[in-house]
């Protein structure tokens, strides 16, 4: 291995932002052989998990709001719920 390859391999552990920029440049240049595939897969799995958790969280909030809307009876209750929801 050359010295440049060794530096690039350790870039993920040294500076993830620089690693990400380097990976983006390599993808744009279609330099698939120069990619740090193991760390790229790891980052994609992290993003997928984060997105999944975000969707789940937003669905819970949506269901909560829908249930509150269904089960609130008086105008007073609805006004209070709207204030809480906006805040």
N, C-alpha and C. Protein backbone atom coordinates (compact mmCIF):
# COMPACT_ATOMS: atom_id res chain seq x y z
N UNK A 1 0.84 -1.19 0.00
CA UNK A 1 0.00 0.00 0.00
C UNK A 1 0.88 1.24 0.00
N UNK A 2 0.40 2.23 -0.67
CA UNK A 2 1.14 3.49 -0.68
C UNK A 2 0.78 4.31 0.55
N UNK A 3 1.57 5.34 0.79
CA UNK A 3 1.35 6.19 1.96
C UNK A 3 0.00 6.93 1.86
N UNK A 4 -0.39 7.33 0.66
CA UNK A 4 -1.66 8.04 0.46
C UNK A 4 -2.83 7.13 0.81
N UNK A 5 -2.76 5.86 0.42
CA UNK A 5 -3.84 4.93 0.75
C UNK A 5 -3.95 4.73 2.25
N UNK A 6 -2.83 4.65 2.95
CA UNK A 6 -2.85 4.47 4.40
C UNK A 6 -3.48 5.68 5.09
N UNK A 7 -3.17 6.87 4.63
CA UNK A 7 -3.75 8.08 5.21
C UNK A 7 -5.25 8.11 4.97
N UNK A 8 -5.68 7.76 3.76
CA UNK A 8 -7.10 7.75 3.43
C UNK A 8 -7.84 6.71 4.25
N UNK A 9 -7.24 5.55 4.48
CA UNK A 9 -7.90 4.50 5.25
C UNK A 9 -8.14 4.95 6.68
N UNK A 10 -7.22 5.70 7.28
CA UNK A 10 -7.37 6.14 8.65
C UNK A 10 -8.16 7.43 8.78
N UNK A 11 -8.56 8.01 7.67
CA UNK A 11 -9.25 9.30 7.69
C UNK A 11 -10.56 9.22 8.46
N UNK A 12 -11.27 8.13 8.36
CA UNK A 12 -12.55 7.98 9.06
C UNK A 12 -12.36 8.11 10.57
N UNK A 13 -11.29 7.51 11.08
CA UNK A 13 -11.01 7.57 12.52
C UNK A 13 -10.44 8.92 12.94
N UNK A 14 -9.78 9.60 12.01
CA UNK A 14 -9.15 10.89 12.33
C UNK A 14 -10.14 12.04 12.25
N UNK A 15 -10.90 12.11 11.18
CA UNK A 15 -11.81 13.24 10.95
C UNK A 15 -12.96 12.78 10.06
N UNK A 16 -14.11 12.52 10.67
CA UNK A 16 -15.23 11.97 9.90
C UNK A 16 -15.75 12.96 8.86
N UNK A 17 -15.69 14.25 9.14
CA UNK A 17 -16.16 15.23 8.16
C UNK A 17 -15.27 15.19 6.91
N UNK A 18 -13.95 15.15 7.09
CA UNK A 18 -13.05 15.06 5.94
C UNK A 18 -13.25 13.73 5.21
N UNK A 19 -13.48 12.66 5.99
CA UNK A 19 -13.75 11.37 5.37
C UNK A 19 -15.00 11.44 4.50
N UNK A 20 -16.04 12.10 5.01
CA UNK A 20 -17.28 12.23 4.26
C UNK A 20 -17.06 13.03 2.97
N UNK A 21 -16.34 14.15 3.06
CA UNK A 21 -16.04 14.94 1.87
C UNK A 21 -15.25 14.12 0.85
N UNK A 22 -14.26 13.38 1.34
CA UNK A 22 -13.44 12.53 0.47
C UNK A 22 -14.30 11.47 -0.21
N UNK A 23 -15.20 10.86 0.56
CA UNK A 23 -16.09 9.82 0.02
C UNK A 23 -17.01 10.39 -1.05
N UNK A 24 -17.56 11.57 -0.80
CA UNK A 24 -18.44 12.22 -1.78
C UNK A 24 -17.68 12.50 -3.07
N UNK A 25 -16.46 13.01 -2.95
CA UNK A 25 -15.65 13.29 -4.15
C UNK A 25 -15.37 12.01 -4.92
N UNK A 26 -15.06 10.95 -4.20
CA UNK A 26 -14.78 9.67 -4.88
C UNK A 26 -16.03 9.12 -5.57
N UNK A 27 -17.18 9.26 -4.93
CA UNK A 27 -18.42 8.80 -5.55
C UNK A 27 -18.74 9.60 -6.80
N UNK A 28 -18.56 10.92 -6.73
CA UNK A 28 -18.82 11.77 -7.89
C UNK A 28 -17.88 11.45 -9.04
N UNK A 29 -16.63 11.09 -8.70
CA UNK A 29 -15.64 10.75 -9.71
C UNK A 29 -15.76 9.29 -10.15
N UNK A 30 -16.70 8.57 -9.55
CA UNK A 30 -16.91 7.15 -9.81
C UNK A 30 -15.65 6.32 -9.52
N UNK A 31 -14.92 6.74 -8.48
CA UNK A 31 -13.73 6.03 -8.03
C UNK A 31 -14.16 5.01 -6.97
N UNK A 32 -14.84 3.97 -7.43
CA UNK A 32 -15.40 2.99 -6.52
C UNK A 32 -14.33 2.13 -5.84
N UNK A 33 -13.19 1.98 -6.48
CA UNK A 33 -12.12 1.18 -5.89
C UNK A 33 -11.46 1.92 -4.73
N UNK A 34 -11.52 3.23 -4.72
CA UNK A 34 -10.89 4.01 -3.66
C UNK A 34 -11.78 4.25 -2.46
N UNK A 35 -13.01 3.74 -2.50
CA UNK A 35 -13.95 3.97 -1.41
C UNK A 35 -13.62 3.13 -0.18
N UNK A 36 -13.90 3.69 0.96
CA UNK A 36 -13.81 2.98 2.23
C UNK A 36 -15.17 2.33 2.45
N UNK A 37 -15.37 1.17 1.82
CA UNK A 37 -16.68 0.52 1.76
C UNK A 37 -17.20 0.14 3.14
N UNK A 38 -16.35 -0.38 4.00
CA UNK A 38 -16.81 -0.83 5.32
C UNK A 38 -17.41 0.33 6.11
N UNK A 39 -16.71 1.47 6.14
CA UNK A 39 -17.23 2.62 6.87
C UNK A 39 -18.42 3.25 6.16
N UNK A 40 -18.45 3.19 4.84
CA UNK A 40 -19.58 3.72 4.09
C UNK A 40 -20.85 2.93 4.43
N UNK A 41 -20.74 1.62 4.49
CA UNK A 41 -21.87 0.77 4.87
C UNK A 41 -22.32 1.10 6.30
N UNK A 42 -21.35 1.25 7.19
CA UNK A 42 -21.66 1.58 8.59
C UNK A 42 -22.43 2.90 8.69
N UNK A 43 -21.98 3.91 7.96
CA UNK A 43 -22.65 5.21 7.97
C UNK A 43 -24.06 5.13 7.40
N UNK A 44 -24.22 4.35 6.34
CA UNK A 44 -25.55 4.20 5.74
C UNK A 44 -26.51 3.49 6.70
N UNK A 45 -26.01 2.50 7.44
CA UNK A 45 -26.84 1.82 8.43
C UNK A 45 -27.25 2.77 9.55
N UNK A 46 -26.33 3.62 9.97
CA UNK A 46 -26.64 4.62 11.00
C UNK A 46 -27.72 5.57 10.51
N UNK A 47 -27.58 6.05 9.27
CA UNK A 47 -28.57 6.96 8.70
C UNK A 47 -29.94 6.29 8.58
N UNK A 48 -29.95 5.05 8.15
CA UNK A 48 -31.21 4.33 8.01
C UNK A 48 -31.89 4.18 9.37
N UNK A 49 -31.13 3.85 10.40
CA UNK A 49 -31.69 3.71 11.74
C UNK A 49 -32.21 5.03 12.27
N UNK A 50 -31.47 6.10 12.02
CA UNK A 50 -31.87 7.44 12.46
C UNK A 50 -33.17 7.85 11.76
N UNK A 51 -33.24 7.60 10.47
CA UNK A 51 -34.46 7.93 9.71
C UNK A 51 -35.65 7.12 10.20
N UNK A 52 -35.42 5.85 10.46
CA UNK A 52 -36.49 4.97 10.94
C UNK A 52 -37.00 5.48 12.29
N UNK A 53 -36.10 5.86 13.18
CA UNK A 53 -36.50 6.37 14.49
C UNK A 53 -37.26 7.69 14.36
N UNK A 54 -36.85 8.54 13.43
CA UNK A 54 -37.53 9.82 13.20
C UNK A 54 -38.95 9.59 12.70
N UNK A 55 -39.13 8.68 11.77
CA UNK A 55 -40.46 8.38 11.25
C UNK A 55 -41.34 7.82 12.37
N UNK A 56 -40.80 6.93 13.15
CA UNK A 56 -41.56 6.35 14.26
C UNK A 56 -41.99 7.43 15.25
N UNK A 57 -41.09 8.33 15.58
CA UNK A 57 -41.39 9.41 16.51
C UNK A 57 -42.49 10.32 15.97
N UNK A 58 -42.40 10.66 14.71
CA UNK A 58 -43.42 11.53 14.11
C UNK A 58 -44.78 10.84 14.01
N UNK A 59 -44.78 9.53 13.77
CA UNK A 59 -46.04 8.80 13.73
C UNK A 59 -46.71 8.77 15.11
N UNK A 60 -45.90 8.62 16.15
CA UNK A 60 -46.44 8.63 17.51
C UNK A 60 -47.09 9.98 17.81
N UNK A 61 -46.41 11.06 17.44
CA UNK A 61 -46.97 12.40 17.66
C UNK A 61 -48.26 12.56 16.86
N UNK A 62 -48.26 12.12 15.61
CA UNK A 62 -49.46 12.22 14.77
C UNK A 62 -50.63 11.46 15.40
N UNK A 63 -50.40 10.22 15.82
CA UNK A 63 -51.46 9.43 16.43
C UNK A 63 -51.96 10.08 17.72
N UNK A 64 -51.06 10.63 18.49
CA UNK A 64 -51.44 11.32 19.73
C UNK A 64 -52.37 12.49 19.42
N UNK A 65 -52.01 13.28 18.43
CA UNK A 65 -52.84 14.43 18.05
C UNK A 65 -54.20 13.97 17.51
N UNK A 66 -54.20 12.93 16.71
CA UNK A 66 -55.46 12.43 16.17
C UNK A 66 -56.37 11.91 17.28
N UNK A 67 -55.80 11.16 18.22
CA UNK A 67 -56.60 10.64 19.32
C UNK A 67 -57.13 11.76 20.20
N UNK A 68 -56.31 12.76 20.46
CA UNK A 68 -56.78 13.92 21.24
C UNK A 68 -57.94 14.60 20.52
N UNK A 69 -57.82 14.75 19.22
CA UNK A 69 -58.87 15.39 18.44
C UNK A 69 -60.17 14.61 18.47
N UNK A 70 -60.07 13.29 18.50
CA UNK A 70 -61.26 12.44 18.52
C UNK A 70 -61.95 12.47 19.89
N UNK A 71 -61.15 12.43 20.97
CA UNK A 71 -61.72 12.23 22.29
C UNK A 71 -61.98 13.50 23.09
N UNK A 72 -61.56 14.65 22.59
CA UNK A 72 -61.88 15.89 23.31
C UNK A 72 -63.32 16.29 23.01
N UNK A 73 -64.03 16.72 24.06
CA UNK A 73 -65.46 16.99 23.90
C UNK A 73 -65.82 18.46 23.80
N UNK A 74 -65.36 19.26 24.72
CA UNK A 74 -65.83 20.65 24.78
C UNK A 74 -64.93 21.58 23.98
N UNK A 75 -65.47 22.76 23.68
CA UNK A 75 -64.69 23.80 22.98
C UNK A 75 -63.50 24.21 23.82
N UNK A 76 -63.70 24.28 25.15
CA UNK A 76 -62.62 24.67 26.06
C UNK A 76 -61.45 23.68 25.94
N UNK A 77 -61.76 22.40 25.94
CA UNK A 77 -60.72 21.37 25.81
C UNK A 77 -59.98 21.51 24.48
N UNK A 78 -60.70 21.78 23.41
CA UNK A 78 -60.08 21.91 22.09
C UNK A 78 -59.14 23.11 22.05
N UNK A 79 -59.56 24.24 22.64
CA UNK A 79 -58.69 25.42 22.66
C UNK A 79 -57.42 25.17 23.45
N UNK A 80 -57.54 24.49 24.58
CA UNK A 80 -56.35 24.18 25.38
C UNK A 80 -55.44 23.24 24.59
N UNK A 81 -56.00 22.24 23.93
CA UNK A 81 -55.20 21.30 23.17
C UNK A 81 -54.44 22.01 22.07
N UNK A 82 -55.09 22.97 21.39
CA UNK A 82 -54.43 23.72 20.32
C UNK A 82 -53.26 24.52 20.86
N UNK A 83 -53.41 25.14 22.03
CA UNK A 83 -52.32 25.91 22.64
C UNK A 83 -51.14 25.00 22.99
N UNK A 84 -51.45 23.84 23.53
CA UNK A 84 -50.38 22.89 23.89
C UNK A 84 -49.70 22.38 22.63
N UNK A 85 -50.44 22.09 21.59
CA UNK A 85 -49.88 21.53 20.37
C UNK A 85 -48.95 22.52 19.69
N UNK A 86 -49.32 23.78 19.66
CA UNK A 86 -48.51 24.80 18.99
C UNK A 86 -47.26 25.09 19.78
N UNK A 87 -47.37 25.11 21.10
CA UNK A 87 -46.25 25.45 21.97
C UNK A 87 -45.26 24.39 22.00
